[in-house]
Amino acid sequence: MSEVQLYIYDLAQGMAAQFSPLLGFQLDGIWHTAIVAYGREWFFGAGGIEQTLPGQTMLGAPLKTQALGRTQVTQAAFMAYLDTLERERFRGQRYHLLQHNCNHFSSHVARYLTGQDIPSYILELPNRVMNSPIAALLTPLIENATPRGHDIHEPPVPTPAQAPSDAEAMSDRATIRVHFPPAHYLTYPQMIEVDKLMRKLRELVTKPGNGLAETNLLSFLGLLTGQSSLEGLVWTTAKFVLTSWHKEDIFPVLDAIRWITADRPISDEVAEELLTLLHALLKPESSHTNLQLVIKILCNCFMHNNTKKAMIAHREYSISQLNAIVEEVELMPNVLQIAIGSLVLNYSIALIESPDLEASIQLVSALSSNYLPKLDNAEALYRTLVALGTLIAQDAECQGLAQALDLDQTLASLKKKDCPKLRECITECLAVLR
């Protein structure tokens, strides 16, 4: 048993604020976090899961600490958990500066030990900063400042005075779930090529029925270069294109909105109008290209509080439309299947953060009866199964529904897929159902 703390460091060491004018938002720090428990500081980097005495990394003392509570997990069980976590998810070669870093590790460990997550502003920051025009300046700064420690087994963590029995440690280890719940929302922040996109818009604007004034085009260029936001004339331009142009020609604007929604918040009014427009495109007859871009935008909407609330408010319609797409669209490309898996995974996280039994039951029913039997891409199935496992592990009624829908039989058939992490996730889901 141990008190658990979150150590928060600023990798920029006070320099981050000077970049705020270039970013367009207040940047207070570039955060590195670690979990302190059992007398050691635990963190993740390019060397894998590492540990040291608290406050003894190259970063020195943390900028601030946050108490997460007292864990009832035994130290032996925690070490077994770290073994599993490093083997399955947090090996050094899987480290990624933005998508799989120290903060994602801290989130996993904090929730395992205490049920508490780390602050959302820490998890959301990388996408906002690293998709900005000054990302190239910040990346080497962060990489050079990343601390190094020891392998998790060297030196050994002191043994507590009363070590748990082997049976107790194995019992605790049996409850470990590596694959769900997920640590963070899945988003699509990939940068766009501004010149290429503007050339495509200028080409498409010449097609009959796709008229657009030069002023509107220039306003959109301002959005892409960070000089304006998705409001006013820019938003009017985007709405006009999405509602008036030929549907096969709107993909450049959808892609721009995908990037913008990952890069910065949008107003409540624009968020509501945007979701209405996206839902009009979220239907089986839309092109594969438009569908995957629409779904990626919806995934990005979970990054910011106001758009996340709007996504939850419109959850019933979104899920019903996704059901129709999965049922009716033939030969779905992998990128579309994976985007669908990402969106339902994001909904599962939101339903854990803000429980809604009716919504959870709707999603469990859809995933069990429709998504798993219809999707065939292994990564899409994995993300869908992570969402399903997250929901059934949290609520007995969801478990009962999954059992009534013979989910165990569906999962048994999926074990034939040649995807190790999918098979492992299936095993974890079956353990929950039993």
Protein backbone atom coordinates (compact mmCIF):
# COMPACT_ATOMS: atom_id res chain seq x y z
CA MET A 1 0.00 0.00 0.00
CA SER A 2 1.28 3.48 -0.75
CA GLU A 3 0.43 7.13 -1.18
CA VAL A 4 0.42 8.05 -4.87
CA GLN A 5 1.52 11.40 -6.27
CA LEU A 6 1.78 12.92 -9.71
CA TYR A 7 5.03 14.84 -10.32
CA ILE A 8 4.64 17.54 -12.97
CA TYR A 9 7.69 19.03 -14.69
CA ASP A 10 8.02 21.81 -17.26
CA LEU A 11 10.39 20.62 -19.99
CA ALA A 12 10.62 24.20 -21.29
CA GLN A 13 11.78 25.38 -17.84
CA GLY A 14 9.74 28.57 -17.96
CA MET A 15 10.43 29.36 -21.61
CA ALA A 16 7.08 28.16 -22.96
CA ALA A 17 5.17 31.39 -22.34
CA GLN A 18 7.23 33.31 -24.89
CA PHE A 19 5.79 31.10 -27.63
CA SER A 20 2.17 31.96 -26.72
CA PRO A 21 1.80 34.80 -29.27
CA LEU A 22 2.91 32.47 -32.06
CA LEU A 23 0.63 29.66 -30.93
CA GLY A 24 -2.48 31.77 -30.44
CA PHE A 25 -3.13 30.52 -26.90
CA GLN A 26 -1.49 30.78 -23.50
CA LEU A 27 1.23 28.16 -23.12
CA ASP A 28 2.28 27.81 -19.49
CA GLY A 29 4.58 24.83 -19.90
CA ILE A 30 5.48 21.70 -21.84
CA TRP A 31 4.61 18.97 -19.40
CA HIS A 32 6.46 15.82 -18.42
CA THR A 33 4.85 13.74 -15.68
CA ALA A 34 5.81 10.83 -13.47
CA ILE A 35 4.05 8.74 -10.84
CA VAL A 36 5.56 8.54 -7.37
CA ALA A 37 4.59 5.45 -5.38
CA TYR A 38 6.29 2.87 -3.15
CA GLY A 39 9.18 5.27 -2.57
CA ARG A 40 10.16 5.56 -6.26
CA GLU A 41 9.42 7.82 -9.22
CA TRP A 42 8.12 5.96 -12.29
CA PHE A 43 8.00 7.35 -15.82
CA PHE A 44 8.09 6.35 -19.48
CA GLY A 45 10.53 7.40 -22.18
CA ALA A 46 12.58 6.10 -25.08
CA GLY A 47 14.21 3.64 -22.68
CA GLY A 48 10.86 2.13 -21.71
CA ILE A 49 9.44 2.27 -18.18
CA GLU A 50 12.07 3.72 -15.88
CA GLN A 51 12.38 4.59 -12.20
CA THR A 52 14.52 6.59 -9.84
CA LEU A 53 14.40 8.12 -6.39
CA PRO A 54 11.73 10.86 -6.32
CA GLY A 55 12.99 14.14 -7.74
CA GLN A 56 16.36 12.71 -8.80
CA THR A 57 16.05 12.87 -12.60
CA MET A 58 17.97 15.42 -14.65
CA LEU A 59 14.93 17.71 -14.30
CA GLY A 60 15.48 18.10 -10.57
CA ALA A 61 12.53 18.94 -8.34
CA PRO A 62 9.08 18.92 -9.97
CA LEU A 63 7.37 22.22 -10.74
CA LYS A 64 4.35 20.98 -8.79
CA THR A 65 2.94 17.80 -7.30
CA GLN A 66 -0.60 16.50 -7.12
CA ALA A 67 -1.84 13.96 -4.60
CA LEU A 68 -3.82 11.19 -6.31
CA GLY A 69 -4.77 9.26 -3.18
CA ARG A 70 -3.74 6.07 -1.43
CA THR A 71 -3.62 2.83 -3.38
CA GLN A 72 -4.70 -0.55 -2.03
CA VAL A 73 -2.65 -2.35 -4.69
CA THR A 74 0.19 -4.36 -3.20
CA GLN A 75 3.72 -3.56 -4.27
CA ALA A 76 4.19 -7.06 -5.68
CA ALA A 77 1.05 -6.69 -7.77
CA PHE A 78 2.21 -3.27 -8.96
CA MET A 79 5.53 -4.68 -10.16
CA ALA A 80 3.69 -7.47 -11.96
CA TYR A 81 1.44 -4.84 -13.54
CA LEU A 82 4.47 -2.84 -14.75
CA ASP A 83 5.98 -6.00 -16.24
CA THR A 84 2.79 -6.57 -18.23
CA LEU A 85 2.47 -2.91 -19.16
CA GLU A 86 6.03 -2.69 -20.47
CA ARG A 87 5.76 -5.94 -22.39
CA GLU A 88 2.43 -5.15 -24.03
CA ARG A 89 2.21 -1.38 -24.37
CA PHE A 90 5.08 0.72 -23.04
CA ARG A 91 8.23 -0.72 -24.57
CA GLY A 92 10.88 1.87 -25.36
CA GLN A 93 10.60 1.42 -29.12
CA ARG A 94 6.93 2.36 -28.91
CA TYR A 95 7.69 5.75 -27.37
CA HIS A 96 6.34 8.62 -29.46
CA LEU A 97 6.81 12.23 -28.50
CA LEU A 98 3.15 13.09 -29.13
CA GLN A 99 1.03 9.98 -29.35
CA HIS A 100 2.53 7.62 -26.77
CA ASN A 101 4.57 9.43 -24.17
CA CYS A 102 5.23 9.86 -20.46
CA ASN A 103 1.84 11.46 -19.83
CA HIS A 104 -0.06 8.54 -21.36
CA PHE A 105 1.92 6.22 -19.09
CA SER A 106 1.15 8.36 -16.04
CA SER A 107 -2.53 8.30 -16.97
CA HIS A 108 -2.56 4.50 -17.18
CA VAL A 109 -0.74 4.01 -13.88
CA ALA A 110 -2.73 6.66 -12.00
CA ARG A 111 -6.03 5.06 -12.98
CA TYR A 112 -4.76 1.58 -12.13
CA LEU A 113 -3.52 2.57 -8.68
CA THR A 114 -6.18 5.06 -7.58
CA GLY A 115 -8.96 5.32 -10.16
CA GLN A 116 -7.98 8.99 -10.67
CA ASP A 117 -6.68 10.34 -13.98
CA ILE A 118 -4.06 13.02 -14.51
CA PRO A 119 -5.27 16.53 -15.50
CA SER A 120 -6.81 16.77 -18.97
CA TYR A 121 -4.82 19.91 -19.84
CA ILE A 122 -1.67 17.78 -19.76
CA LEU A 123 -3.04 15.06 -22.03
CA GLU A 124 -4.54 17.54 -24.51
CA LEU A 125 -1.53 19.85 -24.86
CA PRO A 126 0.65 17.92 -27.37
CA ASN A 127 -1.90 18.07 -30.17
CA ARG A 128 -2.40 21.80 -29.67
CA VAL A 129 1.28 22.68 -29.56
CA MET A 130 2.87 20.25 -31.96
CA ASN A 131 0.47 20.98 -34.82
CA SER A 132 1.35 24.65 -34.68
CA PRO A 133 3.70 26.46 -37.09
CA ILE A 134 6.48 26.45 -34.47
CA ALA A 135 6.39 22.70 -33.83
CA ALA A 136 9.80 22.28 -35.47
CA LEU A 137 11.30 24.64 -32.88
CA LEU A 138 9.77 22.88 -29.89
CA THR A 139 10.37 19.25 -30.85
CA PRO A 140 14.17 19.18 -30.26
CA LEU A 141 13.70 21.15 -27.03
CA ILE A 142 11.37 18.48 -25.67
CA GLU A 143 13.47 15.56 -26.90
CA ASN A 144 16.65 16.93 -25.34
CA ALA A 145 14.91 17.59 -22.03
CA THR A 146 13.38 14.12 -21.66
CA PRO A 147 14.82 12.57 -18.47
CA ARG A 148 16.54 9.21 -18.13
CA GLY A 149 16.37 6.83 -15.20
CA HIS A 150 16.97 3.15 -14.48
CA ASP A 151 15.22 0.10 -15.81
CA ILE A 152 12.22 -0.72 -13.62
CA HIS A 153 14.07 -3.65 -12.04
CA GLU A 154 17.44 -1.97 -11.39
CA PRO A 155 18.06 -1.07 -8.66
CA PRO A 156 15.35 -3.20 -7.06
CA VAL A 157 12.52 -1.45 -5.29
CA PRO A 158 12.75 -1.97 -1.52
CA THR A 159 10.63 -4.86 -0.30
CA PRO A 160 7.87 -3.83 2.12
CA ALA A 161 8.06 -5.07 5.67
CA GLN A 162 5.21 -7.49 5.11
CA ALA A 163 5.43 -8.74 1.55
CA PRO A 164 2.21 -10.21 0.12
CA SER A 165 1.97 -13.90 -0.49
CA ASP A 166 2.44 -15.28 -4.00
CA ALA A 167 -1.26 -16.12 -4.09
CA GLU A 168 -2.19 -12.52 -3.22
CA ALA A 169 0.11 -11.11 -5.88
CA MET A 170 -1.22 -13.49 -8.52
CA SER A 171 -4.80 -12.64 -7.54
CA ASP A 172 -4.11 -8.93 -7.99
CA ARG A 173 -2.32 -9.56 -11.28
CA ALA A 174 -5.28 -11.52 -12.62
CA THR A 175 -7.40 -8.34 -12.48
CA ILE A 176 -4.96 -6.35 -14.64
CA ARG A 177 -6.36 -5.21 -17.96
CA VAL A 178 -3.76 -3.90 -20.36
CA HIS A 179 -5.95 -2.89 -23.28
CA PHE A 180 -8.85 -1.05 -21.68
CA PRO A 181 -9.94 1.43 -20.53
CA PRO A 182 -7.93 3.58 -22.97
CA ALA A 183 -5.74 6.37 -21.63
CA HIS A 184 -6.78 9.15 -23.98
CA TYR A 185 -9.04 10.12 -26.86
CA LEU A 186 -7.97 9.17 -30.37
CA THR A 187 -7.63 12.19 -32.64
CA TYR A 188 -6.44 13.06 -36.14
CA PRO A 189 -4.14 16.10 -35.90
CA GLN A 190 -1.99 15.43 -38.98
CA MET A 191 -0.76 18.63 -40.57
CA ILE A 192 -2.11 19.71 -43.94
CA GLU A 193 -0.10 21.00 -46.89
CA VAL A 194 -1.48 24.53 -47.18
CA ASP A 195 -0.18 25.27 -50.68
CA LYS A 196 -1.45 21.98 -52.06
CA LEU A 197 -4.87 22.42 -50.47
CA MET A 198 -5.24 25.99 -51.75
CA ARG A 199 -4.26 24.91 -55.27
CA LYS A 200 -6.94 22.23 -55.12
CA LEU A 201 -9.56 24.72 -53.94
CA ARG A 202 -8.67 27.12 -56.75
CA GLU A 203 -8.99 24.26 -59.21
CA LEU A 204 -12.37 23.14 -57.85
CA VAL A 205 -13.82 26.64 -57.67
CA THR A 206 -13.74 26.81 -61.48
CA LYS A 207 -16.12 23.88 -61.85
CA PRO A 208 -19.72 24.79 -62.74
CA GLY A 209 -21.78 25.11 -59.57
CA ASN A 210 -18.74 25.60 -57.31
CA GLY A 211 -18.42 29.37 -57.41
CA LEU A 212 -16.59 31.20 -54.63
CA ALA A 213 -15.36 34.79 -54.40
CA GLU A 214 -11.64 35.51 -54.10
CA THR A 215 -12.28 37.21 -50.75
CA ASN A 216 -13.69 33.98 -49.39
CA LEU A 217 -10.75 31.97 -50.68
CA LEU A 218 -8.30 34.36 -49.05
CA SER A 219 -10.19 34.18 -45.76
CA PHE A 220 -9.75 30.42 -45.82
CA LEU A 221 -6.04 30.83 -46.47
CA GLY A 222 -5.89 32.97 -43.32
CA LEU A 223 -7.43 30.10 -41.37
CA LEU A 224 -4.86 27.61 -42.66
CA THR A 225 -1.91 29.87 -41.86
CA GLY A 226 -3.10 30.62 -38.32
CA GLN A 227 -4.09 34.24 -38.97
CA SER A 228 -7.80 33.69 -38.35
CA SER A 229 -10.14 31.24 -36.63
CA LEU A 230 -13.16 29.23 -37.75
CA GLU A 231 -15.70 32.03 -37.38
CA GLY A 232 -17.06 35.03 -39.25
CA LEU A 233 -16.27 35.07 -42.97
CA VAL A 234 -14.13 31.95 -42.68
CA TRP A 235 -16.98 29.92 -41.21
CA THR A 236 -19.44 31.41 -43.72
CA THR A 237 -17.11 30.26 -46.50
CA ALA A 238 -16.80 26.76 -45.07
CA LYS A 239 -20.58 26.44 -44.66
CA PHE A 240 -21.16 27.62 -48.22
CA VAL A 241 -18.76 25.04 -49.64
CA LEU A 242 -20.17 22.18 -47.54
CA THR A 243 -23.78 22.95 -48.43
CA SER A 244 -23.55 24.30 -52.00
CA TRP A 245 -20.65 22.62 -53.80
CA HIS A 246 -20.78 19.23 -55.46
CA LYS A 247 -20.31 16.73 -52.66
CA GLU A 248 -17.38 15.06 -54.41
CA ASP A 249 -15.52 18.41 -54.28
CA ILE A 250 -15.85 19.34 -50.60
CA PHE A 251 -13.07 17.09 -49.27
CA PRO A 252 -10.39 19.86 -49.11
CA VAL A 253 -12.58 21.93 -46.78
CA LEU A 254 -13.41 18.87 -44.67
CA ASP A 255 -9.71 18.11 -44.35
CA ALA A 256 -8.99 21.69 -43.30
CA ILE A 257 -11.72 21.49 -40.65
CA ARG A 258 -10.25 18.18 -39.47
CA TRP A 259 -6.94 19.88 -38.82
CA ILE A 260 -8.49 23.00 -37.26
CA THR A 261 -10.62 21.03 -34.80
CA ALA A 262 -7.50 19.20 -33.61
CA ASP A 263 -5.41 22.37 -33.47
CA ARG A 264 -7.66 24.80 -31.58
CA PRO A 265 -11.07 25.16 -29.89
CA ILE A 266 -14.07 26.55 -31.76
CA SER A 267 -16.98 28.56 -30.39
CA ASP A 268 -20.16 26.94 -29.06
CA GLU A 269 -22.23 28.41 -31.88
CA VAL A 270 -19.89 27.16 -34.60
CA ALA A 271 -19.67 23.77 -32.87
CA GLU A 272 -23.44 23.26 -33.03
CA GLU A 273 -23.64 24.36 -36.66
CA LEU A 274 -20.66 22.22 -37.59
CA LEU A 275 -22.16 19.09 -36.03
CA THR A 276 -25.41 19.70 -37.91
CA LEU A 277 -23.51 19.91 -41.21
CA LEU A 278 -21.39 16.86 -40.41
CA HIS A 279 -24.43 14.79 -39.49
CA ALA A 280 -25.96 15.66 -42.85
CA LEU A 281 -22.92 14.00 -44.45
CA LEU A 282 -22.76 11.09 -42.00
CA LYS A 283 -24.86 8.69 -44.05
CA PRO A 284 -24.23 5.55 -46.10
CA GLU A 285 -24.60 7.25 -49.49
CA SER A 286 -21.74 9.69 -48.84
CA SER A 287 -18.41 8.93 -50.50
CA HIS A 288 -15.81 6.95 -48.59
CA THR A 289 -13.50 9.98 -48.62
CA ASN A 290 -16.10 12.32 -47.16
CA LEU A 291 -17.19 9.75 -44.58
CA GLN A 292 -13.73 9.12 -43.20
CA LEU A 293 -13.01 12.87 -43.01
CA VAL A 294 -16.33 13.58 -41.27
CA ILE A 295 -15.68 10.83 -38.73
CA LYS A 296 -12.14 12.09 -38.11
CA ILE A 297 -13.53 15.57 -37.41
CA LEU A 298 -16.01 14.04 -34.96
CA CYS A 299 -13.11 12.26 -33.24
CA ASN A 300 -11.26 15.57 -32.90
CA CYS A 301 -14.33 17.15 -31.32
CA PHE A 302 -13.57 15.15 -28.16
CA MET A 303 -10.40 17.23 -27.63
CA HIS A 304 -12.17 20.32 -26.30
CA ASN A 305 -14.82 20.57 -23.59
CA ASN A 306 -17.51 22.43 -25.54
CA THR A 307 -17.32 20.25 -28.64
CA LYS A 308 -17.13 17.14 -26.44
CA LYS A 309 -20.36 18.19 -24.73
CA ALA A 310 -21.97 18.69 -28.12
CA MET A 311 -20.81 15.23 -29.22
CA ILE A 312 -22.35 13.66 -26.13
CA ALA A 313 -25.59 15.60 -26.61
CA HIS A 314 -25.85 14.32 -30.20
CA ARG A 315 -24.65 10.83 -29.30
CA GLU A 316 -27.85 8.96 -30.17
CA TYR A 317 -27.98 10.29 -33.73
CA SER A 318 -24.25 9.81 -34.34
CA ILE A 319 -24.30 6.19 -33.22
CA SER A 320 -27.45 5.39 -35.19
CA GLN A 321 -25.87 6.85 -38.34
CA LEU A 322 -22.68 4.89 -37.75
CA ASN A 323 -24.82 1.77 -37.42
CA ALA A 324 -26.40 2.48 -40.80
CA ILE A 325 -22.99 3.03 -42.38
CA VAL A 326 -21.60 -0.23 -40.99
CA GLU A 327 -24.70 -2.13 -42.14
CA GLU A 328 -25.10 -0.65 -45.61
CA VAL A 329 -21.71 0.43 -46.95
CA GLU A 330 -20.10 -2.33 -48.98
CA LEU A 331 -16.34 -2.90 -49.13
CA MET A 332 -15.43 -0.23 -46.61
CA PRO A 333 -11.75 0.77 -46.98
CA ASN A 334 -9.52 0.19 -43.98
CA VAL A 335 -9.08 3.90 -43.24
CA LEU A 336 -12.85 4.31 -42.90
CA GLN A 337 -13.21 1.24 -40.69
CA ILE A 338 -10.41 2.46 -38.41
CA ALA A 339 -11.96 5.93 -38.17
CA ILE A 340 -15.25 4.33 -37.09
CA GLY A 341 -13.40 2.29 -34.47
CA SER A 342 -11.72 5.46 -33.20
CA LEU A 343 -15.02 7.30 -32.84
CA VAL A 344 -16.77 4.57 -30.86
CA LEU A 345 -13.67 4.27 -28.66
CA ASN A 346 -13.88 8.00 -27.93
CA TYR A 347 -17.55 7.66 -27.05
CA SER A 348 -16.69 4.89 -24.59
CA ILE A 349 -14.20 7.17 -22.80
CA ALA A 350 -16.75 9.98 -22.64
CA LEU A 351 -19.31 7.60 -21.12
CA ILE A 352 -16.85 6.61 -18.42
CA GLU A 353 -16.14 10.26 -17.64
CA SER A 354 -19.86 11.16 -17.63
CA PRO A 355 -21.84 7.94 -17.01
CA ASP A 356 -25.07 7.51 -18.96
CA LEU A 357 -26.51 4.01 -18.70
CA GLU A 358 -28.93 4.43 -21.61
CA ALA A 359 -26.13 5.62 -23.88
CA SER A 360 -23.81 2.83 -22.73
CA ILE A 361 -26.45 0.19 -23.43
CA GLN A 362 -27.09 1.65 -26.89
CA LEU A 363 -23.39 1.50 -27.69
CA VAL A 364 -22.84 -2.00 -26.26
CA SER A 365 -25.76 -3.29 -28.31
CA ALA A 366 -24.46 -1.68 -31.50
CA LEU A 367 -20.89 -2.85 -31.03
CA SER A 368 -21.84 -6.41 -30.11
CA SER A 369 -24.54 -6.99 -32.74
CA ASN A 370 -23.37 -4.85 -35.63
CA TYR A 371 -19.80 -3.57 -35.58
CA LEU A 372 -17.88 -6.68 -34.53
CA PRO A 373 -19.64 -9.00 -37.03
CA LYS A 374 -19.35 -6.52 -39.93
CA LEU A 375 -15.89 -4.94 -39.63
CA ASP A 376 -12.97 -6.97 -40.98
CA ASN A 377 -9.92 -4.73 -40.46
CA ALA A 378 -7.93 -5.92 -37.44
CA GLU A 379 -7.09 -2.42 -36.15
CA ALA A 380 -10.71 -1.29 -36.50
CA LEU A 381 -11.87 -4.41 -34.65
CA TYR A 382 -9.30 -3.79 -31.93
CA ARG A 383 -10.45 -0.21 -31.33
CA THR A 384 -14.07 -1.32 -31.35
CA LEU A 385 -13.28 -4.06 -28.85
CA VAL A 386 -11.41 -1.63 -26.58
CA ALA A 387 -14.57 0.51 -26.54
CA LEU A 388 -16.74 -2.50 -25.77
CA GLY A 389 -14.41 -3.79 -23.06
CA THR A 390 -14.34 -0.35 -21.45
CA LEU A 391 -18.13 -0.28 -21.17
CA ILE A 392 -18.77 -3.83 -20.00
CA ALA A 393 -16.01 -3.61 -17.39
CA GLN A 394 -17.68 -0.57 -15.83
CA ASP A 395 -21.31 -1.60 -15.58
CA ALA A 396 -23.06 -4.84 -14.63
CA GLU A 397 -26.07 -4.10 -16.86
CA CYS A 398 -23.78 -3.66 -19.85
CA GLN A 399 -22.14 -6.98 -18.99
CA GLY A 400 -25.54 -8.66 -18.79
CA LEU A 401 -26.57 -7.25 -22.15
CA ALA A 402 -23.33 -8.42 -23.76
CA GLN A 403 -23.88 -11.90 -22.36
CA ALA A 404 -27.48 -11.95 -23.61
CA LEU A 405 -26.21 -11.00 -27.08
CA ASP A 406 -23.80 -13.98 -27.03
CA LEU A 407 -20.79 -11.70 -27.22
CA ASP A 408 -18.54 -14.56 -26.08
CA GLN A 409 -19.36 -16.50 -29.25
CA THR A 410 -18.64 -13.47 -31.44
CA LEU A 411 -15.31 -12.95 -29.68
CA ALA A 412 -14.36 -16.60 -30.07
CA SER A 413 -14.78 -16.30 -33.84
CA LEU A 414 -12.56 -13.19 -33.92
CA LYS A 415 -9.67 -15.00 -32.23
CA LYS A 416 -8.78 -16.41 -35.65
CA LYS A 417 -7.51 -12.97 -36.69
CA ASP A 418 -3.72 -12.77 -36.98
CA CYS A 419 -3.39 -9.79 -34.64
CA PRO A 420 -1.79 -10.42 -31.22
CA LYS A 421 -3.18 -7.34 -29.48
CA LEU A 422 -6.68 -8.11 -30.77
CA ARG A 423 -6.48 -11.64 -29.37
CA GLU A 424 -5.20 -10.30 -26.04
CA CYS A 425 -8.04 -7.79 -25.86
CA ILE A 426 -10.52 -10.57 -26.64
CA THR A 427 -9.10 -12.58 -23.72
CA GLU A 428 -9.54 -9.61 -21.39
CA CYS A 429 -13.15 -9.09 -22.55
CA LEU A 430 -13.96 -12.77 -22.05
CA ALA A 431 -12.54 -12.54 -18.52
CA VAL A 432 -14.92 -9.65 -17.78
CA LEU A 433 -17.89 -11.60 -19.14
CA ARG A 434 -17.12 -14.57 -16.89
